[in-house]
């Protein structure tokens, strides 16, 4: 299939990392470099269907740079503003003057750090946004940022650019933060909310947006507040009611959620500066939504091979269609 809506034009896929030097060599695969989103949702997955545009950290010194000739749409998969700010800046300049569409423009990705998203989403009616502070690990800077952001305790400490549930810990007070920080590192501190369900379990929804199309990826539960994909096989196999409820919302999409939740998600989508991204959240007992995070670095894969969770393939089908429609415009 043609990757873009413009006849004769190809899709350019932008890769890169602040940790990667040099020119991409034939046969070298850097699709999953740090802060780069997976592209397996693309139905057209071989090298003849899209052009790789690689932006290394030494991009300014390259003699041979990627070409935008013959490209109708650029899909930017450099998605983590914390770990790739340099190449995102290069990518922004590289794309200046490009006449086609750019999905997830680099300058917009640079606005999606956790603290910036928290500020952007604050004020949406019915949305609980935990306060977030970003700071270098020097005690005076940490105290100033945490105080200014009004982060309460307990609070979750994580290094900037860490995902997949990688945290430093949950800190009971400011001293707990200062004992762990390294002056050479940058951190986020996010106020912790204990939102355990009446069942004793914790829950997390993930919705992906591709343009204006939304796809529910999962509704996970866990016996730990830090809910992530591996919890499905560890916790859920014998929880038939939870499996049935996840199946219902994954197959039903946003219409399977309460109307007020749908409205809140629409408001989140309207405030996000990106074309595609994910939203992690839960629904509180009073019907409000609590935001965990929203960015384009969330992973869609893997899909469970357990037949009890076969509905995950339905989510992939929905996402692939939405992804391709976004690219086609």
C-alpha atoms as a PDB file:
ATOM      1  CA  UNK A   1       0.000   0.000   0.000  1.00  0.00           C
ATOM      2  CA  UNK A   2       1.058   3.615  -0.513  1.00  0.00           C
ATOM      3  CA  UNK A   3       2.216   5.025   2.813  1.00  0.00           C
ATOM      4  CA  UNK A   4       0.840   8.503   2.223  1.00  0.00           C
ATOM      5  CA  UNK A   5      -2.246  10.006   0.656  1.00  0.00           C
ATOM      6  CA  UNK A   6      -0.133  11.842  -1.924  1.00  0.00           C
ATOM      7  CA  UNK A   7       0.509   9.681  -5.024  1.00  0.00           C
ATOM      8  CA  UNK A   8       4.166   8.987  -5.673  1.00  0.00           C
ATOM      9  CA  UNK A   9       5.255  10.223  -2.260  1.00  0.00           C
ATOM     10  CA  UNK A  10       6.744   8.046   0.464  1.00  0.00           C
ATOM     11  CA  UNK A  11       6.632   8.023   4.233  1.00  0.00           C
ATOM     12  CA  UNK A  12       9.787   9.229   5.957  1.00  0.00           C
ATOM     13  CA  UNK A  13      10.333   7.758   9.433  1.00  0.00           C
ATOM     14  CA  UNK A  14      12.535   9.825  11.700  1.00  0.00           C
ATOM     15  CA  UNK A  15      14.832   7.966  14.120  1.00  0.00           C
ATOM     16  CA  UNK A  16      17.641   9.092  16.377  1.00  0.00           C
ATOM     17  CA  UNK A  17      19.064   9.302  19.857  1.00  0.00           C
ATOM     18  CA  UNK A  18      21.370  11.565  21.843  1.00  0.00           C
ATOM     19  CA  UNK A  19      23.387   8.409  22.570  1.00  0.00           C
ATOM     20  CA  UNK A  20      23.851   7.450  18.924  1.00  0.00           C
ATOM     21  CA  UNK A  21      26.695   8.694  16.748  1.00  0.00           C
ATOM     22  CA  UNK A  22      27.392   8.378  13.067  1.00  0.00           C
ATOM     23  CA  UNK A  23      25.485   7.441   9.997  1.00  0.00           C
ATOM     24  CA  UNK A  24      23.040   4.537   9.983  1.00  0.00           C
ATOM     25  CA  UNK A  25      24.745   1.700   8.135  1.00  0.00           C
ATOM     26  CA  UNK A  26      22.888  -0.718   5.803  1.00  0.00           C
ATOM     27  CA  UNK A  27      21.300  -3.524   7.794  1.00  0.00           C
ATOM     28  CA  UNK A  28      21.653  -1.693  11.107  1.00  0.00           C
ATOM     29  CA  UNK A  29      18.399  -1.482  13.084  1.00  0.00           C
ATOM     30  CA  UNK A  30      18.068   1.376  15.556  1.00  0.00           C
ATOM     31  CA  UNK A  31      14.303   1.579  15.643  1.00  0.00           C
ATOM     32  CA  UNK A  32      14.201   0.966  19.383  1.00  0.00           C
ATOM     33  CA  UNK A  33      16.943   3.391  20.412  1.00  0.00           C
ATOM     34  CA  UNK A  34      16.208   5.144  23.698  1.00  0.00           C
ATOM     35  CA  UNK A  35      13.144   7.335  23.503  1.00  0.00           C
ATOM     36  CA  UNK A  36      12.048   6.042  20.110  1.00  0.00           C
ATOM     37  CA  UNK A  37       8.552   4.664  19.659  1.00  0.00           C
ATOM     38  CA  UNK A  38       7.980   1.204  18.165  1.00  0.00           C
ATOM     39  CA  UNK A  39       6.710   1.193  14.553  1.00  0.00           C
ATOM     40  CA  UNK A  40       5.227  -2.302  14.375  1.00  0.00           C
ATOM     41  CA  UNK A  41       1.723  -0.899  13.968  1.00  0.00           C
ATOM     42  CA  UNK A  42       2.625   0.101  10.447  1.00  0.00           C
ATOM     43  CA  UNK A  43       1.050  -2.356   8.033  1.00  0.00           C
ATOM     44  CA  UNK A  44       3.756  -1.486   5.522  1.00  0.00           C
ATOM     45  CA  UNK A  45       6.776  -2.713   7.402  1.00  0.00           C
ATOM     46  CA  UNK A  46       9.583  -3.348   4.937  1.00  0.00           C
ATOM     47  CA  UNK A  47      12.276  -0.987   3.755  1.00  0.00           C
ATOM     48  CA  UNK A  48      10.594  -0.360   0.377  1.00  0.00           C
ATOM     49  CA  UNK A  49       7.560   1.229   1.994  1.00  0.00           C
ATOM     50  CA  UNK A  50       9.223   3.974   4.018  1.00  0.00           C
ATOM     51  CA  UNK A  51      12.450   5.930   4.051  1.00  0.00           C
ATOM     52  CA  UNK A  52      14.609   5.914   7.181  1.00  0.00           C
ATOM     53  CA  UNK A  53      15.689   9.377   8.278  1.00  0.00           C
ATOM     54  CA  UNK A  54      18.357   9.013  10.934  1.00  0.00           C
ATOM     55  CA  UNK A  55      19.350  11.976  13.152  1.00  0.00           C
ATOM     56  CA  UNK A  56      22.408  11.105  15.292  1.00  0.00           C
ATOM     57  CA  UNK A  57      23.815  13.351  17.995  1.00  0.00           C
ATOM     58  CA  UNK A  58      26.675  14.383  15.680  1.00  0.00           C
ATOM     59  CA  UNK A  59      24.219  15.298  12.920  1.00  0.00           C
ATOM     60  CA  UNK A  60      25.747  18.746  12.370  1.00  0.00           C
ATOM     61  CA  UNK A  61      29.088  17.183  11.435  1.00  0.00           C
ATOM     62  CA  UNK A  62      27.738  14.626   8.977  1.00  0.00           C
ATOM     63  CA  UNK A  63      28.852  15.097   5.386  1.00  0.00           C
ATOM     64  CA  UNK A  64      25.977  13.024   3.988  1.00  0.00           C
ATOM     65  CA  UNK A  65      22.600  13.827   5.514  1.00  0.00           C
ATOM     66  CA  UNK A  66      19.169  12.284   4.896  1.00  0.00           C
ATOM     67  CA  UNK A  67      17.133  13.641   2.029  1.00  0.00           C
ATOM     68  CA  UNK A  68      13.479  14.665   2.148  1.00  0.00           C
ATOM     69  CA  UNK A  69      13.104  14.362  -1.622  1.00  0.00           C
ATOM     70  CA  UNK A  70      10.096  12.288  -2.622  1.00  0.00           C
ATOM     71  CA  UNK A  71       8.667  12.223   0.914  1.00  0.00           C
ATOM     72  CA  UNK A  72       5.104  13.340   1.558  1.00  0.00           C
ATOM     73  CA  UNK A  73       4.782  12.651   5.283  1.00  0.00           C
ATOM     74  CA  UNK A  74       7.407  12.520   8.031  1.00  0.00           C
ATOM     75  CA  UNK A  75       6.620  10.370  11.052  1.00  0.00           C
ATOM     76  CA  UNK A  76       8.788  11.449  13.988  1.00  0.00           C
ATOM     77  CA  UNK A  77       9.543   8.510  16.274  1.00  0.00           C
ATOM     78  CA  UNK A  78      12.031  10.391  18.457  1.00  0.00           C
ATOM     79  CA  UNK A  79       9.636  10.799  21.327  1.00  0.00           C
ATOM     80  CA  UNK A  80      11.420  11.315  24.660  1.00  0.00           C
ATOM     81  CA  UNK A  81      12.197  14.954  25.394  1.00  0.00           C
ATOM     82  CA  UNK A  82      14.239  14.061  28.474  1.00  0.00           C
ATOM     83  CA  UNK A  83      16.835  11.818  26.867  1.00  0.00           C
ATOM     84  CA  UNK A  84      16.894  13.148  23.295  1.00  0.00           C
ATOM     85  CA  UNK A  85      16.675  16.957  23.480  1.00  0.00           C
ATOM     86  CA  UNK A  86      19.721  17.479  21.255  1.00  0.00           C
ATOM     87  CA  UNK A  87      18.559  15.346  18.324  1.00  0.00           C
ATOM     88  CA  UNK A  88      15.022  16.706  18.665  1.00  0.00           C
ATOM     89  CA  UNK A  89      16.499  20.177  18.205  1.00  0.00           C
ATOM     90  CA  UNK A  90      18.449  18.999  15.157  1.00  0.00           C
ATOM     91  CA  UNK A  91      15.330  17.302  13.785  1.00  0.00           C
ATOM     92  CA  UNK A  92      13.331  20.513  14.160  1.00  0.00           C
ATOM     93  CA  UNK A  93      15.885  22.410  12.115  1.00  0.00           C
ATOM     94  CA  UNK A  94      16.199  19.577   9.580  1.00  0.00           C
ATOM     95  CA  UNK A  95      12.465  19.769   8.879  1.00  0.00           C
ATOM     96  CA  UNK A  96      12.279  23.546   8.459  1.00  0.00           C
ATOM     97  CA  UNK A  97      10.999  24.289   5.002  1.00  0.00           C
ATOM     98  CA  UNK A  98       9.579  20.787   4.484  1.00  0.00           C
ATOM     99  CA  UNK A  99       6.274  21.220   2.636  1.00  0.00           C
ATOM    100  CA  UNK A 100       4.659  17.920   3.640  1.00  0.00           C
ATOM    101  CA  UNK A 101       3.004  16.869   6.874  1.00  0.00           C
ATOM    102  CA  UNK A 102       5.051  16.127  10.001  1.00  0.00           C
ATOM    103  CA  UNK A 103       3.472  13.864  12.617  1.00  0.00           C
ATOM    104  CA  UNK A 104       4.650  14.631  16.159  1.00  0.00           C
ATOM    105  CA  UNK A 105       6.764  17.612  15.255  1.00  0.00           C
ATOM    106  CA  UNK A 106      10.052  17.615  17.227  1.00  0.00           C
ATOM    107  CA  UNK A 107       9.338  21.020  18.767  1.00  0.00           C
ATOM    108  CA  UNK A 108       6.033  19.659  20.065  1.00  0.00           C
ATOM    109  CA  UNK A 109       7.651  16.545  21.519  1.00  0.00           C
ATOM    110  CA  UNK A 110       9.989  18.852  23.449  1.00  0.00           C
ATOM    111  CA  UNK A 111       6.888  20.151  25.262  1.00  0.00           C
ATOM    112  CA  UNK A 112       5.888  16.736  26.650  1.00  0.00           C
ATOM    113  CA  UNK A 113       8.095  16.334  29.701  1.00  0.00           C
ATOM    114  CA  UNK A 114       6.137  15.117  32.717  1.00  0.00           C
ATOM    115  CA  UNK A 115       6.070  18.460  34.497  1.00  0.00           C
ATOM    116  CA  UNK A 116       5.025  20.323  31.344  1.00  0.00           C
ATOM    117  CA  UNK A 117       2.190  17.867  30.676  1.00  0.00           C
ATOM    118  CA  UNK A 118       0.996  18.193  34.275  1.00  0.00           C
ATOM    119  CA  UNK A 119       0.874  21.979  33.886  1.00  0.00           C
ATOM    120  CA  UNK A 120      -0.861  21.684  30.509  1.00  0.00           C
ATOM    121  CA  UNK A 121      -3.580  19.366  31.840  1.00  0.00           C
ATOM    122  CA  UNK A 122      -4.242  21.172  35.114  1.00  0.00           C
ATOM    123  CA  UNK A 123      -7.678  22.784  35.071  1.00  0.00           C
ATOM    124  CA  UNK A 124      -9.572  20.159  33.074  1.00  0.00           C
ATOM    125  CA  UNK A 125     -12.857  19.662  34.896  1.00  0.00           C
ATOM    126  CA  UNK A 126     -13.021  16.208  36.481  1.00  0.00           C
ATOM    127  CA  UNK A 127      -9.319  15.434  35.948  1.00  0.00           C
ATOM    128  CA  UNK A 128      -7.000  14.897  38.906  1.00  0.00           C
ATOM    129  CA  UNK A 129      -3.437  15.830  37.921  1.00  0.00           C
ATOM    130  CA  UNK A 130      -0.833  14.864  40.537  1.00  0.00           C
ATOM    131  CA  UNK A 131       1.720  17.675  41.025  1.00  0.00           C
ATOM    132  CA  UNK A 132       5.092  17.016  39.362  1.00  0.00           C
ATOM    133  CA  UNK A 133       8.491  18.641  39.966  1.00  0.00           C
ATOM    134  CA  UNK A 134      11.516  18.322  37.672  1.00  0.00           C
ATOM    135  CA  UNK A 135      14.981  19.104  39.030  1.00  0.00           C
ATOM    136  CA  UNK A 136      18.682  18.366  38.919  1.00  0.00           C
ATOM    137  CA  UNK A 137      19.759  16.228  41.866  1.00  0.00           C
ATOM    138  CA  UNK A 138      21.294  19.045  43.896  1.00  0.00           C
ATOM    139  CA  UNK A 139      19.599  19.499  47.291  1.00  0.00           C
ATOM    140  CA  UNK A 140      18.913  23.229  46.912  1.00  0.00           C
ATOM    141  CA  UNK A 141      17.476  22.790  43.414  1.00  0.00           C
ATOM    142  CA  UNK A 142      15.399  19.801  44.494  1.00  0.00           C
ATOM    143  CA  UNK A 143      13.869  21.619  47.465  1.00  0.00           C
ATOM    144  CA  UNK A 144      13.108  24.718  45.399  1.00  0.00           C
ATOM    145  CA  UNK A 145      11.442  22.771  42.563  1.00  0.00           C
ATOM    146  CA  UNK A 146       9.428  20.520  44.860  1.00  0.00           C
ATOM    147  CA  UNK A 147       8.240  23.478  46.919  1.00  0.00           C
ATOM    148  CA  UNK A 148       7.314  25.535  43.865  1.00  0.00           C
ATOM    149  CA  UNK A 149       5.367  22.635  42.303  1.00  0.00           C
ATOM    150  CA  UNK A 150       3.611  22.006  45.641  1.00  0.00           C
ATOM    151  CA  UNK A 151       4.293  18.267  45.504  1.00  0.00           C
ATOM    152  CA  UNK A 152       2.935  16.570  48.601  1.00  0.00           C
ATOM    153  CA  UNK A 153       4.230  13.392  50.228  1.00  0.00           C
ATOM    154  CA  UNK A 154       4.440  10.485  49.833  1.00  0.00           C
ATOM    155  CA  UNK A 155       5.803  11.001  46.333  1.00  0.00           C
ATOM    156  CA  UNK A 156       7.301   8.889  43.544  1.00  0.00           C
ATOM    157  CA  UNK A 157      10.931   9.632  42.652  1.00  0.00           C
ATOM    158  CA  UNK A 158      12.195   8.617  39.208  1.00  0.00           C
ATOM    159  CA  UNK A 159      15.059   9.617  36.955  1.00  0.00           C
ATOM    160  CA  UNK A 160      14.062  11.641  33.917  1.00  0.00           C
ATOM    161  CA  UNK A 161      13.793   9.460  30.832  1.00  0.00           C
ATOM    162  CA  UNK A 162      13.016   6.266  32.729  1.00  0.00           C
ATOM    163  CA  UNK A 163       9.953   4.267  31.720  1.00  0.00           C
ATOM    164  CA  UNK A 164       8.514   0.753  32.148  1.00  0.00           C
ATOM    165  CA  UNK A 165       7.930   1.350  35.840  1.00  0.00           C
ATOM    166  CA  UNK A 166      11.579   2.092  36.639  1.00  0.00           C
ATOM    167  CA  UNK A 167      11.543   4.272  39.745  1.00  0.00           C
ATOM    168  CA  UNK A 168      13.945   5.207  42.520  1.00  0.00           C
ATOM    169  CA  UNK A 169      11.243   4.661  45.126  1.00  0.00           C
ATOM    170  CA  UNK A 170       8.335   6.223  46.984  1.00  0.00           C
ATOM    171  CA  UNK A 171       9.615   8.900  49.358  1.00  0.00           C
ATOM    172  CA  UNK A 172       7.852   9.643  52.632  1.00  0.00           C
ATOM    173  CA  UNK A 173       9.305  13.138  52.976  1.00  0.00           C
ATOM    174  CA  UNK A 174      11.839  15.614  51.597  1.00  0.00           C
ATOM    175  CA  UNK A 175      14.705  13.945  53.444  1.00  0.00           C
ATOM    176  CA  UNK A 176      13.859  10.702  51.638  1.00  0.00           C
ATOM    177  CA  UNK A 177      14.293  12.497  48.322  1.00  0.00           C
ATOM    178  CA  UNK A 178      17.558  14.198  49.257  1.00  0.00           C
ATOM    179  CA  UNK A 179      19.107  10.937  50.437  1.00  0.00           C
ATOM    180  CA  UNK A 180      18.692   9.399  46.985  1.00  0.00           C
ATOM    181  CA  UNK A 181      19.436  12.110  44.456  1.00  0.00           C
ATOM    182  CA  UNK A 182      22.662  12.352  42.474  1.00  0.00           C
ATOM    183  CA  UNK A 183      23.804  15.859  41.427  1.00  0.00           C
ATOM    184  CA  UNK A 184      24.659  14.518  37.967  1.00  0.00           C
ATOM    185  CA  UNK A 185      21.125  13.253  37.291  1.00  0.00           C
ATOM    186  CA  UNK A 186      17.773  14.882  36.554  1.00  0.00           C
ATOM    187  CA  UNK A 187      14.681  13.663  38.394  1.00  0.00           C
ATOM    188  CA  UNK A 188      10.919  13.872  38.549  1.00  0.00           C
ATOM    189  CA  UNK A 189       8.994  13.786  41.798  1.00  0.00           C
ATOM    190  CA  UNK A 190       5.272  13.028  41.430  1.00  0.00           C
ATOM    191  CA  UNK A 191       2.807  13.137  44.296  1.00  0.00           C
ATOM    192  CA  UNK A 192       1.548   9.630  45.106  1.00  0.00           C
ATOM    193  CA  UNK A 193      -2.175   8.871  45.352  1.00  0.00           C
ATOM    194  CA  UNK A 194      -3.263   5.580  46.865  1.00  0.00           C
ATOM    195  CA  UNK A 195      -6.176   4.612  44.610  1.00  0.00           C
ATOM    196  CA  UNK A 196      -6.517   0.974  45.515  1.00  0.00           C
ATOM    197  CA  UNK A 197      -9.812  -0.539  44.374  1.00  0.00           C
ATOM    198  CA  UNK A 198     -12.308  -2.084  46.858  1.00  0.00           C
ATOM    199  CA  UNK A 199     -10.956  -5.452  45.640  1.00  0.00           C
ATOM    200  CA  UNK A 200      -7.545  -4.510  47.042  1.00  0.00           C
ATOM    201  CA  UNK A 201      -6.108  -4.245  43.544  1.00  0.00           C
ATOM    202  CA  UNK A 202      -4.732  -1.275  41.610  1.00  0.00           C
ATOM    203  CA  UNK A 203      -5.839  -0.470  38.065  1.00  0.00           C
ATOM    204  CA  UNK A 204      -4.532   1.306  34.988  1.00  0.00           C
ATOM    205  CA  UNK A 205      -6.159   2.115  31.655  1.00  0.00           C
ATOM    206  CA  UNK A 206      -4.071   2.938  28.594  1.00  0.00           C
ATOM    207  CA  UNK A 207      -5.545   4.746  25.598  1.00  0.00           C
ATOM    208  CA  UNK A 208      -3.614   5.521  22.418  1.00  0.00           C
ATOM    209  CA  UNK A 209      -4.553   8.412  20.176  1.00  0.00           C
ATOM    210  CA  UNK A 210      -3.721   8.398  16.461  1.00  0.00           C
ATOM    211  CA  UNK A 211      -4.932  11.742  15.212  1.00  0.00           C
ATOM    212  CA  UNK A 212      -8.446  11.955  16.635  1.00  0.00           C
ATOM    213  CA  UNK A 213      -8.946   8.181  16.734  1.00  0.00           C
ATOM    214  CA  UNK A 214      -8.684   6.556  20.164  1.00  0.00           C
ATOM    215  CA  UNK A 215      -7.867   2.916  20.887  1.00  0.00           C
ATOM    216  CA  UNK A 216      -7.995   1.334  24.332  1.00  0.00           C
ATOM    217  CA  UNK A 217      -4.858  -0.781  24.649  1.00  0.00           C
ATOM    218  CA  UNK A 218      -5.520  -2.281  28.061  1.00  0.00           C
ATOM    219  CA  UNK A 219      -7.208  -2.144  31.436  1.00  0.00           C
ATOM    220  CA  UNK A 220      -4.750  -3.819  33.794  1.00  0.00           C
ATOM    221  CA  UNK A 221      -5.016  -4.659  37.465  1.00  0.00           C
ATOM    222  CA  UNK A 222      -2.234  -5.514  39.867  1.00  0.00           C
ATOM    223  CA  UNK A 223      -1.541  -6.137  43.529  1.00  0.00           C
ATOM    224  CA  UNK A 224       1.022  -3.298  43.389  1.00  0.00           C
ATOM    225  CA  UNK A 225       0.432   0.394  42.642  1.00  0.00           C
ATOM    226  CA  UNK A 226       3.101   0.403  39.902  1.00  0.00           C
ATOM    227  CA  UNK A 227       0.900  -1.349  37.326  1.00  0.00           C
ATOM    228  CA  UNK A 228       2.621  -2.567  34.151  1.00  0.00           C
ATOM    229  CA  UNK A 229       2.190  -5.063  31.315  1.00  0.00           C
ATOM    230  CA  UNK A 230       3.853  -8.096  32.962  1.00  0.00           C
ATOM    231  CA  UNK A 231       1.230  -7.888  35.725  1.00  0.00           C
ATOM    232  CA  UNK A 232      -1.327  -9.314  33.304  1.00  0.00           C
ATOM    233  CA  UNK A 233       0.257 -12.784  33.238  1.00  0.00           C
ATOM    234  CA  UNK A 234       1.331 -12.575  36.885  1.00  0.00           C
ATOM    235  CA  UNK A 235      -1.897 -11.361  38.491  1.00  0.00           C
ATOM    236  CA  UNK A 236      -4.846 -11.605  36.127  1.00  0.00           C
ATOM    237  CA  UNK A 237      -5.082 -15.170  34.706  1.00  0.00           C
ATOM    238  CA  UNK A 238      -7.455 -16.395  37.417  1.00  0.00           C
ATOM    239  CA  UNK A 239      -9.415 -13.154  37.843  1.00  0.00           C
ATOM    240  CA  UNK A 240     -12.214 -13.937  35.428  1.00  0.00           C
ATOM    241  CA  UNK A 241     -14.245 -10.824  36.271  1.00  0.00           C
ATOM    242  CA  UNK A 242     -11.259  -8.563  35.606  1.00  0.00           C
ATOM    243  CA  UNK A 243     -10.493 -10.340  32.326  1.00  0.00           C
ATOM    244  CA  UNK A 244     -14.100  -9.954  31.220  1.00  0.00           C
ATOM    245  CA  UNK A 245     -14.092  -6.254  32.058  1.00  0.00           C
ATOM    246  CA  UNK A 246     -10.838  -5.639  30.179  1.00  0.00           C
ATOM    247  CA  UNK A 247     -12.226  -7.509  27.182  1.00  0.00           C
ATOM    248  CA  UNK A 248     -15.363  -5.362  27.273  1.00  0.00           C
ATOM    249  CA  UNK A 249     -13.530  -2.038  27.250  1.00  0.00           C
ATOM    250  CA  UNK A 250     -10.820  -3.077  24.765  1.00  0.00           C
ATOM    251  CA  UNK A 251     -13.356  -4.343  22.259  1.00  0.00           C
ATOM    252  CA  UNK A 252     -15.865  -1.573  22.944  1.00  0.00           C
ATOM    253  CA  UNK A 253     -13.392   1.313  22.816  1.00  0.00           C
ATOM    254  CA  UNK A 254     -14.127   4.697  24.356  1.00  0.00           C
ATOM    255  CA  UNK A 255     -17.872   4.126  24.064  1.00  0.00           C
ATOM    256  CA  UNK A 256     -17.472   1.400  26.708  1.00  0.00           C
ATOM    257  CA  UNK A 257     -16.378   4.039  29.234  1.00  0.00           C
ATOM    258  CA  UNK A 258     -18.703   6.386  31.149  1.00  0.00           C
ATOM    259  CA  UNK A 259     -19.706   9.493  29.233  1.00  0.00           C
ATOM    260  CA  UNK A 260     -17.931  11.844  31.641  1.00  0.00           C
ATOM    261  CA  UNK A 261     -14.691   9.874  31.263  1.00  0.00           C
ATOM    262  CA  UNK A 262     -15.019  10.132  27.480  1.00  0.00           C
ATOM    263  CA  UNK A 263     -15.402  13.901  27.802  1.00  0.00           C
ATOM    264  CA  UNK A 264     -12.309  14.187  30.024  1.00  0.00           C
ATOM    265  CA  UNK A 265     -10.269  12.151  27.555  1.00  0.00           C
ATOM    266  CA  UNK A 266     -11.427  14.398  24.720  1.00  0.00           C
ATOM    267  CA  UNK A 267     -10.261  17.401  26.740  1.00  0.00           C
ATOM    268  CA  UNK A 268      -6.866  15.751  27.312  1.00  0.00           C
ATOM    269  CA  UNK A 269      -6.592  15.037  23.604  1.00  0.00           C
ATOM    270  CA  UNK A 270      -7.442  18.643  22.752  1.00  0.00           C
ATOM    271  CA  UNK A 271      -4.645  19.965  24.976  1.00  0.00           C
ATOM    272  CA  UNK A 272      -1.951  17.565  23.765  1.00  0.00           C
ATOM    273  CA  UNK A 273       0.334  19.104  21.124  1.00  0.00           C
ATOM    274  CA  UNK A 274       1.035  15.711  19.513  1.00  0.00           C
ATOM    275  CA  UNK A 275      -0.510  13.732  16.660  1.00  0.00           C
ATOM    276  CA  UNK A 276      -0.057  10.343  18.329  1.00  0.00           C
ATOM    277  CA  UNK A 277       0.510   9.510  21.986  1.00  0.00           C
ATOM    278  CA  UNK A 278      -0.695   7.380  24.871  1.00  0.00           C
ATOM    279  CA  UNK A 279      -2.564   8.268  28.067  1.00  0.00           C
ATOM    280  CA  UNK A 280      -2.330   6.228  31.277  1.00  0.00           C
ATOM    281  CA  UNK A 281      -5.066   6.863  33.821  1.00  0.00           C
ATOM    282  CA  UNK A 282      -7.611   5.392  36.203  1.00  0.00           C
ATOM    283  CA  UNK A 283     -11.220   6.193  37.042  1.00  0.00           C
ATOM    284  CA  UNK A 284     -11.875   7.144  40.652  1.00  0.00           C
ATOM    285  CA  UNK A 285     -14.873   6.012  42.653  1.00  0.00           C
ATOM    286  CA  UNK A 286     -16.540   9.422  42.248  1.00  0.00           C
ATOM    287  CA  UNK A 287     -16.206   9.290  38.446  1.00  0.00           C
ATOM    288  CA  UNK A 288     -13.224  11.612  38.126  1.00  0.00           C
ATOM    289  CA  UNK A 289     -10.143  10.571  36.163  1.00  0.00           C
ATOM    290  CA  UNK A 290      -6.639  10.573  37.630  1.00  0.00           C
ATOM    291  CA  UNK A 291      -3.838  11.129  35.127  1.00  0.00           C
ATOM    292  CA  UNK A 292      -0.700   9.023  35.443  1.00  0.00           C
ATOM    293  CA  UNK A 293       1.108  10.220  32.312  1.00  0.00           C
ATOM    294  CA  UNK A 294       0.589  11.238  28.684  1.00  0.00           C
ATOM    295  CA  UNK A 295       3.339  11.095  26.062  1.00  0.00           C
ATOM    296  CA  UNK A 296       4.399   9.435  22.811  1.00  0.00           C
ATOM    297  CA  UNK A 297       7.007   7.108  24.333  1.00  0.00           C
ATOM    298  CA  UNK A 298       4.503   4.506  25.548  1.00  0.00           C
ATOM    299  CA  UNK A 299       4.838   1.057  24.012  1.00  0.00           C
ATOM    300  CA  UNK A 300       1.946  -0.852  22.465  1.00  0.00           C
ATOM    301  CA  UNK A 301       3.687  -4.243  22.481  1.00  0.00           C
ATOM    302  CA  UNK A 302       3.997  -7.079  23.338  1.00  0.00           C
ATOM    303  CA  UNK A 303       0.608  -8.694  22.744  1.00  0.00           C
ATOM    304  CA  UNK A 304      -0.121 -11.519  25.184  1.00  0.00           C
ATOM    305  CA  UNK A 305      -0.038 -15.039  23.728  1.00  0.00           C
ATOM    306  CA  UNK A 306      -2.289 -16.348  26.502  1.00  0.00           C
ATOM    307  CA  UNK A 307      -5.629 -17.283  24.841  1.00  0.00           C
ATOM    308  CA  UNK A 308      -7.488 -15.750  27.772  1.00  0.00           C
ATOM    309  CA  UNK A 309      -6.219 -12.363  26.599  1.00  0.00           C
ATOM    310  CA  UNK A 310      -6.762 -12.877  22.870  1.00  0.00           C
ATOM    311  CA  UNK A 311      -8.762  -9.640  22.750  1.00  0.00           C
ATOM    312  CA  UNK A 312      -5.380  -7.875  22.710  1.00  0.00           C
ATOM    313  CA  UNK A 313      -5.226  -8.693  19.003  1.00  0.00           C
ATOM    314  CA  UNK A 314      -8.440  -6.718  18.534  1.00  0.00           C
ATOM    315  CA  UNK A 315      -6.706  -3.703  20.052  1.00  0.00           C
ATOM    316  CA  UNK A 316      -3.857  -4.164  17.605  1.00  0.00           C
ATOM    317  CA  UNK A 317      -6.240  -4.333  14.636  1.00  0.00           C
ATOM    318  CA  UNK A 318      -7.963  -1.145  15.767  1.00  0.00           C
ATOM    319  CA  UNK A 319      -4.647   0.618  16.347  1.00  0.00           C
ATOM    320  CA  UNK A 320      -3.183  -0.437  12.999  1.00  0.00           C
ATOM    321  CA  UNK A 321      -6.214   0.946  11.176  1.00  0.00           C
ATOM    322  CA  UNK A 322      -6.061   4.183  13.157  1.00  0.00           C
ATOM    323  CA  UNK A 323      -2.293   4.499  12.642  1.00  0.00           C
ATOM    324  CA  UNK A 324      -2.550   4.029   8.895  1.00  0.00           C
ATOM    325  CA  UNK A 325      -5.476   6.455   8.654  1.00  0.00           C
ATOM    326  CA  UNK A 326      -3.409   9.054  10.489  1.00  0.00           C
ATOM    327  CA  UNK A 327      -0.517   8.629   8.071  1.00  0.00           C
ATOM    328  CA  UNK A 328      -2.811   8.768   5.049  1.00  0.00           C
ATOM    329  CA  UNK A 329      -4.310  11.990   6.385  1.00  0.00           C
END
